[in-house]
Amino acid sequence: MPTLTSSRFVTPPRFTIGLAETLNFAYDAFSSNKMQFSLTALAMAVGTASVILVATIGLTGKQYILRQLQSIGTNMIYADYQGGSQRIDSTPDPMTVEDVRAIREQVSSVVAASPTVALNDRISVGGGRQSDILILGVDPEYM
């Protein structure tokens, strides 16, 4: 029957590899197969560089998006008005410049208001090619 000792847990001996032994092993691996060692080292370098590059691109993109959102500001509202009913025979009821002027005068919290008129068109860009463009008509307050 085994006897119990005063120590409840016996720690197993640790095996450590010294720096000299690690370098000796690496040199032996390099000497025996230089091509495999070189390709492995290249793969490690490329893998590490790609991880760093992906992380950098992700963080840079995140910072760019945050700067774009912050530049808009927290007090800007875009409102689009589409008037008229859903019936086909009704005439459209667009917002007029007078409506925008009334908003500027009657709503005290509005600092700036600009009507917009969007026009999509196709223009010739030379060489027989065409390009779609957006022409946006606005007031000077749009800026």
N, C-alpha and C. Protein backbone atom coordinates (compact mmCIF):
# COMPACT_ATOMS: atom_id res chain seq x y z
N MET A 1 0.84 -1.17 0.00
CA MET A 1 0.00 0.00 0.00
C MET A 1 0.89 1.24 0.00
N PRO A 2 0.60 2.24 -0.89
CA PRO A 2 1.44 3.44 -0.93
C PRO A 2 1.20 4.32 0.28
N THR A 3 2.25 4.98 0.67
CA THR A 3 2.14 5.88 1.82
C THR A 3 1.89 7.29 1.34
N LEU A 4 1.16 8.05 2.11
CA LEU A 4 0.86 9.44 1.77
C LEU A 4 1.98 10.33 2.29
N THR A 5 2.35 11.28 1.49
CA THR A 5 3.36 12.23 1.91
C THR A 5 2.66 13.49 2.37
N SER A 6 3.44 14.40 2.92
CA SER A 6 2.87 15.65 3.39
C SER A 6 2.41 16.54 2.24
N SER A 7 2.99 16.38 1.07
CA SER A 7 2.61 17.19 -0.08
C SER A 7 1.50 16.48 -0.84
N ARG A 8 0.42 17.15 -1.10
CA ARG A 8 -0.71 16.54 -1.79
C ARG A 8 -0.48 16.46 -3.29
N PHE A 9 0.17 17.46 -3.84
CA PHE A 9 0.37 17.51 -5.28
C PHE A 9 1.85 17.47 -5.58
N VAL A 10 2.23 16.59 -6.43
CA VAL A 10 3.62 16.48 -6.84
C VAL A 10 3.72 17.07 -8.24
N THR A 11 4.53 18.09 -8.40
CA THR A 11 4.67 18.71 -9.71
C THR A 11 5.68 17.92 -10.53
N PRO A 12 5.32 17.66 -11.78
CA PRO A 12 6.26 16.92 -12.63
C PRO A 12 7.45 17.81 -12.98
N PRO A 13 8.57 17.22 -13.28
CA PRO A 13 9.73 18.04 -13.64
C PRO A 13 9.47 18.77 -14.96
N ARG A 14 9.97 19.98 -15.10
CA ARG A 14 9.80 20.79 -16.31
C ARG A 14 10.98 20.57 -17.23
N PHE A 15 10.65 20.48 -18.52
CA PHE A 15 11.68 20.36 -19.52
C PHE A 15 11.78 21.69 -20.24
N THR A 16 12.91 22.33 -20.16
CA THR A 16 13.11 23.62 -20.82
C THR A 16 14.18 23.49 -21.87
N ILE A 17 14.00 24.26 -22.92
CA ILE A 17 14.98 24.27 -24.01
C ILE A 17 15.67 25.61 -23.95
N GLY A 18 16.94 25.58 -23.90
CA GLY A 18 17.71 26.82 -23.83
C GLY A 18 17.83 27.47 -25.19
N LEU A 19 18.28 28.72 -25.18
CA LEU A 19 18.44 29.48 -26.42
C LEU A 19 19.51 28.85 -27.31
N ALA A 20 20.58 28.38 -26.72
CA ALA A 20 21.65 27.77 -27.51
C ALA A 20 21.15 26.52 -28.22
N GLU A 21 20.36 25.71 -27.53
CA GLU A 21 19.83 24.50 -28.14
C GLU A 21 18.86 24.82 -29.26
N THR A 22 18.05 25.89 -29.08
CA THR A 22 17.12 26.31 -30.12
C THR A 22 17.86 26.78 -31.37
N LEU A 23 18.89 27.59 -31.18
CA LEU A 23 19.68 28.08 -32.31
C LEU A 23 20.41 26.93 -33.00
N ASN A 24 20.92 25.96 -32.22
CA ASN A 24 21.60 24.80 -32.79
C ASN A 24 20.63 23.98 -33.63
N PHE A 25 19.40 23.79 -33.14
CA PHE A 25 18.39 23.06 -33.89
C PHE A 25 18.03 23.78 -35.19
N ALA A 26 17.88 25.10 -35.14
CA ALA A 26 17.57 25.88 -36.34
C ALA A 26 18.71 25.80 -37.35
N TYR A 27 19.95 25.85 -36.88
CA TYR A 27 21.10 25.77 -37.80
C TYR A 27 21.16 24.39 -38.44
N ASP A 28 20.90 23.33 -37.69
CA ASP A 28 20.89 21.99 -38.25
C ASP A 28 19.79 21.84 -39.30
N ALA A 29 18.61 22.39 -39.03
CA ALA A 29 17.51 22.33 -40.00
C ALA A 29 17.86 23.10 -41.26
N PHE A 30 18.50 24.25 -41.10
CA PHE A 30 18.91 25.04 -42.26
C PHE A 30 19.97 24.32 -43.07
N SER A 31 20.92 23.70 -42.39
CA SER A 31 22.01 23.00 -43.09
C SER A 31 21.52 21.78 -43.84
N SER A 32 20.55 21.06 -43.28
CA SER A 32 20.11 19.82 -43.91
C SER A 32 19.20 20.07 -45.11
N ASN A 33 18.37 21.10 -45.08
CA ASN A 33 17.46 21.35 -46.19
C ASN A 33 17.25 22.86 -46.33
N LYS A 34 18.10 23.48 -47.09
CA LYS A 34 18.09 24.94 -47.22
C LYS A 34 16.84 25.45 -47.93
N MET A 35 16.38 24.73 -48.94
CA MET A 35 15.21 25.19 -49.70
C MET A 35 13.95 25.16 -48.82
N GLN A 36 13.74 24.08 -48.09
CA GLN A 36 12.57 23.99 -47.22
C GLN A 36 12.63 25.04 -46.12
N PHE A 37 13.80 25.26 -45.55
CA PHE A 37 13.97 26.27 -44.51
C PHE A 37 13.67 27.66 -45.06
N SER A 38 14.17 27.95 -46.27
CA SER A 38 13.96 29.26 -46.88
C SER A 38 12.48 29.49 -47.20
N LEU A 39 11.80 28.48 -47.73
CA LEU A 39 10.38 28.63 -48.05
C LEU A 39 9.54 28.77 -46.79
N THR A 40 9.90 28.06 -45.75
CA THR A 40 9.17 28.19 -44.49
C THR A 40 9.36 29.59 -43.91
N ALA A 41 10.59 30.08 -43.94
CA ALA A 41 10.85 31.43 -43.43
C ALA A 41 10.11 32.48 -44.26
N LEU A 42 10.09 32.30 -45.58
CA LEU A 42 9.36 33.22 -46.45
C LEU A 42 7.86 33.18 -46.16
N ALA A 43 7.31 31.99 -45.97
CA ALA A 43 5.89 31.86 -45.67
C ALA A 43 5.55 32.53 -44.34
N MET A 44 6.40 32.40 -43.36
CA MET A 44 6.17 33.05 -42.07
C MET A 44 6.20 34.57 -42.21
N ALA A 45 7.17 35.07 -43.00
CA ALA A 45 7.28 36.52 -43.19
C ALA A 45 6.06 37.06 -43.94
N VAL A 46 5.65 36.38 -45.01
CA VAL A 46 4.50 36.82 -45.79
C VAL A 46 3.22 36.74 -44.96
N GLY A 47 3.06 35.68 -44.19
CA GLY A 47 1.88 35.54 -43.34
C GLY A 47 1.80 36.64 -42.30
N THR A 48 2.91 36.93 -41.65
CA THR A 48 2.93 37.99 -40.64
C THR A 48 2.64 39.34 -41.27
N ALA A 49 3.25 39.61 -42.43
CA ALA A 49 3.03 40.88 -43.11
C ALA A 49 1.57 41.03 -43.54
N SER A 50 0.96 39.94 -44.00
CA SER A 50 -0.44 40.03 -44.44
C SER A 50 -1.38 40.29 -43.26
N VAL A 51 -1.10 39.67 -42.12
CA VAL A 51 -1.95 39.93 -40.95
C VAL A 51 -1.83 41.39 -40.52
N ILE A 52 -0.62 41.90 -40.51
CA ILE A 52 -0.40 43.31 -40.14
C ILE A 52 -1.09 44.23 -41.15
N LEU A 53 -0.98 43.90 -42.43
CA LEU A 53 -1.59 44.73 -43.47
C LEU A 53 -3.12 44.73 -43.37
N VAL A 54 -3.71 43.57 -43.15
CA VAL A 54 -5.17 43.50 -43.03
C VAL A 54 -5.64 44.29 -41.81
N ALA A 55 -4.95 44.15 -40.70
CA ALA A 55 -5.34 44.90 -39.50
C ALA A 55 -5.21 46.40 -39.73
N THR A 56 -4.13 46.82 -40.40
CA THR A 56 -3.93 48.24 -40.67
C THR A 56 -5.01 48.79 -41.60
N ILE A 57 -5.34 48.04 -42.64
CA ILE A 57 -6.38 48.49 -43.57
C ILE A 57 -7.72 48.59 -42.86
N GLY A 58 -8.03 47.61 -42.01
CA GLY A 58 -9.28 47.64 -41.27
C GLY A 58 -9.38 48.84 -40.34
N LEU A 59 -8.32 49.12 -39.61
CA LEU A 59 -8.33 50.26 -38.69
C LEU A 59 -8.37 51.59 -39.44
N THR A 60 -7.65 51.66 -40.55
CA THR A 60 -7.65 52.89 -41.35
C THR A 60 -9.03 53.14 -41.93
N GLY A 61 -9.67 52.09 -42.44
CA GLY A 61 -11.02 52.24 -42.98
C GLY A 61 -12.01 52.66 -41.91
N LYS A 62 -11.87 52.10 -40.72
CA LYS A 62 -12.76 52.47 -39.61
C LYS A 62 -12.58 53.94 -39.25
N GLN A 63 -11.33 54.40 -39.18
CA GLN A 63 -11.07 55.80 -38.85
C GLN A 63 -11.61 56.72 -39.94
N TYR A 64 -11.49 56.32 -41.20
CA TYR A 64 -12.00 57.13 -42.31
C TYR A 64 -13.52 57.28 -42.20
N ILE A 65 -14.22 56.18 -41.96
CA ILE A 65 -15.67 56.23 -41.85
C ILE A 65 -16.09 57.09 -40.67
N LEU A 66 -15.40 56.94 -39.54
CA LEU A 66 -15.74 57.75 -38.37
C LEU A 66 -15.54 59.24 -38.64
N ARG A 67 -14.45 59.59 -39.34
CA ARG A 67 -14.22 61.01 -39.68
C ARG A 67 -15.30 61.53 -40.60
N GLN A 68 -15.74 60.70 -41.56
CA GLN A 68 -16.81 61.12 -42.46
C GLN A 68 -18.11 61.36 -41.70
N LEU A 69 -18.43 60.48 -40.77
CA LEU A 69 -19.66 60.65 -39.99
C LEU A 69 -19.57 61.87 -39.07
N GLN A 70 -18.39 62.10 -38.49
CA GLN A 70 -18.23 63.25 -37.61
C GLN A 70 -18.28 64.56 -38.38
N SER A 71 -17.86 64.55 -39.64
CA SER A 71 -17.88 65.79 -40.42
C SER A 71 -19.30 66.21 -40.76
N ILE A 72 -20.22 65.26 -40.80
CA ILE A 72 -21.62 65.60 -41.09
C ILE A 72 -22.20 66.41 -39.95
N GLY A 73 -21.87 66.03 -38.75
CA GLY A 73 -22.41 66.74 -37.59
C GLY A 73 -23.63 66.04 -37.05
N THR A 74 -23.97 66.38 -35.83
CA THR A 74 -25.12 65.73 -35.20
C THR A 74 -26.38 66.57 -35.34
N ASN A 75 -26.29 67.73 -35.94
CA ASN A 75 -27.45 68.61 -36.00
C ASN A 75 -27.95 68.80 -37.43
N MET A 76 -27.62 67.90 -38.33
CA MET A 76 -28.03 68.05 -39.72
C MET A 76 -29.13 67.04 -40.04
N ILE A 77 -30.15 67.51 -40.69
CA ILE A 77 -31.27 66.66 -41.08
C ILE A 77 -31.52 66.87 -42.56
N TYR A 78 -31.63 65.76 -43.28
CA TYR A 78 -32.03 65.81 -44.67
C TYR A 78 -33.49 65.40 -44.75
N ALA A 79 -34.31 66.23 -45.34
CA ALA A 79 -35.73 65.91 -45.47
C ALA A 79 -36.11 65.98 -46.94
N ASP A 80 -36.72 64.93 -47.42
CA ASP A 80 -37.23 64.90 -48.79
C ASP A 80 -38.74 64.93 -48.75
N TYR A 81 -39.30 65.68 -49.64
CA TYR A 81 -40.76 65.79 -49.71
C TYR A 81 -41.21 65.25 -51.05
N GLN A 82 -42.14 64.32 -51.01
CA GLN A 82 -42.75 63.82 -52.23
C GLN A 82 -44.25 63.95 -52.04
N GLY A 83 -44.80 64.95 -52.66
CA GLY A 83 -46.22 65.24 -52.47
C GLY A 83 -47.09 64.51 -53.46
N GLY A 84 -48.38 64.76 -53.33
CA GLY A 84 -49.34 64.15 -54.24
C GLY A 84 -49.90 62.86 -53.66
N SER A 85 -50.95 62.38 -54.26
CA SER A 85 -51.57 61.15 -53.77
C SER A 85 -51.07 59.98 -54.59
N GLN A 86 -51.55 58.81 -54.22
CA GLN A 86 -51.13 57.59 -54.91
C GLN A 86 -51.95 57.33 -56.17
N ARG A 87 -52.94 58.15 -56.41
CA ARG A 87 -53.78 57.94 -57.59
C ARG A 87 -53.06 58.40 -58.84
N ILE A 88 -53.29 57.72 -59.93
CA ILE A 88 -52.60 58.03 -61.19
C ILE A 88 -53.10 59.33 -61.80
N ASP A 89 -54.38 59.64 -61.67
CA ASP A 89 -54.93 60.81 -62.34
C ASP A 89 -54.69 62.11 -61.58
N SER A 90 -54.02 62.06 -60.43
CA SER A 90 -53.79 63.28 -59.67
C SER A 90 -52.56 64.00 -60.19
N THR A 91 -52.51 65.29 -59.99
CA THR A 91 -51.36 66.08 -60.40
C THR A 91 -50.35 66.11 -59.26
N PRO A 92 -49.06 66.12 -59.57
CA PRO A 92 -48.06 66.14 -58.50
C PRO A 92 -48.10 67.44 -57.72
N ASP A 93 -47.71 67.38 -56.45
CA ASP A 93 -47.72 68.54 -55.57
C ASP A 93 -46.29 68.76 -55.05
N PRO A 94 -45.40 69.30 -55.90
CA PRO A 94 -44.00 69.43 -55.47
C PRO A 94 -43.82 70.57 -54.46
N MET A 95 -42.75 70.49 -53.71
CA MET A 95 -42.39 71.55 -52.78
C MET A 95 -41.79 72.70 -53.59
N THR A 96 -42.19 73.90 -53.28
CA THR A 96 -41.73 75.06 -54.04
C THR A 96 -40.69 75.85 -53.26
N VAL A 97 -40.09 76.82 -53.92
CA VAL A 97 -39.13 77.70 -53.26
C VAL A 97 -39.82 78.51 -52.17
N GLU A 98 -41.07 78.86 -52.39
CA GLU A 98 -41.83 79.58 -51.37
C GLU A 98 -42.03 78.71 -50.12
N ASP A 99 -42.21 77.41 -50.30
CA ASP A 99 -42.34 76.50 -49.15
C ASP A 99 -41.05 76.49 -48.32
N VAL A 100 -39.91 76.46 -48.99
CA VAL A 100 -38.62 76.47 -48.29
C VAL A 100 -38.43 77.80 -47.57
N ARG A 101 -38.83 78.89 -48.21
CA ARG A 101 -38.73 80.21 -47.59
C ARG A 101 -39.61 80.27 -46.34
N ALA A 102 -40.81 79.69 -46.39
CA ALA A 102 -41.70 79.68 -45.24
C ALA A 102 -41.11 78.85 -44.10
N ILE A 103 -40.44 77.76 -44.42
CA ILE A 103 -39.78 76.94 -43.39
C ILE A 103 -38.68 77.75 -42.71
N ARG A 104 -37.89 78.46 -43.52
CA ARG A 104 -36.80 79.28 -42.95
C ARG A 104 -37.34 80.33 -41.97
N GLU A 105 -38.47 80.93 -42.32
CA GLU A 105 -39.03 82.01 -41.51
C GLU A 105 -39.81 81.51 -40.30
N GLN A 106 -40.55 80.43 -40.44
CA GLN A 106 -41.47 80.01 -39.40
C GLN A 106 -40.90 78.97 -38.42
N VAL A 107 -39.85 78.28 -38.80
CA VAL A 107 -39.25 77.29 -37.90
C VAL A 107 -37.93 77.87 -37.42
N SER A 108 -37.91 78.30 -36.16
CA SER A 108 -36.76 79.04 -35.64
C SER A 108 -35.52 78.16 -35.48
N SER A 109 -35.66 76.86 -35.32
CA SER A 109 -34.50 76.00 -35.11
C SER A 109 -33.77 75.65 -36.40
N VAL A 110 -34.36 75.99 -37.55
CA VAL A 110 -33.69 75.72 -38.83
C VAL A 110 -32.68 76.83 -39.08
N VAL A 111 -31.41 76.45 -39.17
CA VAL A 111 -30.34 77.41 -39.41
C VAL A 111 -30.17 77.67 -40.90
N ALA A 112 -30.26 76.61 -41.71
CA ALA A 112 -30.10 76.75 -43.15
C ALA A 112 -31.00 75.72 -43.83
N ALA A 113 -31.56 76.10 -44.94
CA ALA A 113 -32.40 75.20 -45.73
C ALA A 113 -32.16 75.48 -47.19
N SER A 114 -32.09 74.43 -47.98
CA SER A 114 -31.85 74.59 -49.41
C SER A 114 -32.69 73.58 -50.17
N PRO A 115 -33.45 74.07 -51.14
CA PRO A 115 -34.14 73.11 -51.99
C PRO A 115 -33.14 72.47 -52.95
N THR A 116 -33.43 71.27 -53.39
CA THR A 116 -32.55 70.60 -54.34
C THR A 116 -33.39 70.07 -55.50
N VAL A 117 -32.79 70.12 -56.66
CA VAL A 117 -33.39 69.55 -57.85
C VAL A 117 -32.33 68.65 -58.47
N ALA A 118 -32.65 67.37 -58.59
CA ALA A 118 -31.70 66.40 -59.14
C ALA A 118 -32.09 66.06 -60.57
N LEU A 119 -31.09 65.98 -61.43
CA LEU A 119 -31.30 65.63 -62.83
C LEU A 119 -30.23 64.62 -63.22
N ASN A 120 -30.67 63.46 -63.65
CA ASN A 120 -29.75 62.44 -64.17
C ASN A 120 -29.70 62.57 -65.67
N ASP A 121 -28.50 62.52 -66.24
CA ASP A 121 -28.36 62.64 -67.67
C ASP A 121 -27.15 61.83 -68.12
N ARG A 122 -27.04 61.63 -69.40
CA ARG A 122 -25.92 60.91 -69.99
C ARG A 122 -25.21 61.87 -70.94
N ILE A 123 -23.88 61.97 -70.77
CA ILE A 123 -23.12 62.87 -71.63
C ILE A 123 -22.04 62.08 -72.35
N SER A 124 -21.58 62.66 -73.45
CA SER A 124 -20.49 62.06 -74.21
C SER A 124 -19.18 62.49 -73.60
N VAL A 125 -18.29 61.51 -73.33
CA VAL A 125 -17.00 61.82 -72.72
C VAL A 125 -15.85 61.65 -73.71
N GLY A 126 -16.16 61.45 -74.97
CA GLY A 126 -15.13 61.34 -75.99
C GLY A 126 -14.85 59.89 -76.35
N GLY A 127 -14.37 59.71 -77.55
CA GLY A 127 -14.03 58.36 -78.00
C GLY A 127 -15.26 57.47 -78.18
N GLY A 128 -16.41 58.07 -78.40
CA GLY A 128 -17.62 57.29 -78.58
C GLY A 128 -18.19 56.73 -77.28
N ARG A 129 -17.64 57.15 -76.16
CA ARG A 129 -18.11 56.66 -74.86
C ARG A 129 -19.04 57.67 -74.23
N GLN A 130 -19.95 57.16 -73.39
CA GLN A 130 -20.89 58.00 -72.66
C GLN A 130 -20.80 57.68 -71.18
N SER A 131 -21.15 58.67 -70.37
CA SER A 131 -21.11 58.49 -68.93
C SER A 131 -22.37 59.09 -68.31
N ASP A 132 -22.89 58.40 -67.28
CA ASP A 132 -24.05 58.91 -66.55
C ASP A 132 -23.58 59.94 -65.53
N ILE A 133 -24.28 61.06 -65.44
CA ILE A 133 -23.93 62.10 -64.47
C ILE A 133 -25.16 62.51 -63.68
N LEU A 134 -24.93 63.12 -62.54
CA LEU A 134 -25.99 63.68 -61.71
C LEU A 134 -25.74 65.17 -61.61
N ILE A 135 -26.73 65.95 -62.01
CA ILE A 135 -26.66 67.40 -61.90
C ILE A 135 -27.58 67.78 -60.74
N LEU A 136 -27.03 68.49 -59.77
CA LEU A 136 -27.79 68.84 -58.57
C LEU A 136 -27.89 70.35 -58.49
N GLY A 137 -29.12 70.86 -58.57
CA GLY A 137 -29.37 72.29 -58.44
C GLY A 137 -29.72 72.62 -57.00
N VAL A 138 -29.01 73.57 -56.40
CA VAL A 138 -29.21 73.91 -54.99
C VAL A 138 -29.11 75.40 -54.78
N ASP A 139 -29.49 75.86 -53.58
CA ASP A 139 -29.27 77.24 -53.16
C ASP A 139 -27.86 77.38 -52.60
N PRO A 140 -27.37 78.62 -52.47
CA PRO A 140 -26.06 78.81 -51.86
C PRO A 140 -25.97 78.30 -50.42
N GLU A 141 -27.09 78.20 -49.73
CA GLU A 141 -27.08 77.72 -48.35
C GLU A 141 -26.79 76.23 -48.25
N TYR A 142 -26.78 75.54 -49.37
CA TYR A 142 -26.55 74.10 -49.35
C TYR A 142 -25.19 73.74 -48.76
N MET A 143 -24.21 74.58 -48.96
CA MET A 143 -22.86 74.33 -48.42
C MET A 143 -22.88 74.37 -46.92
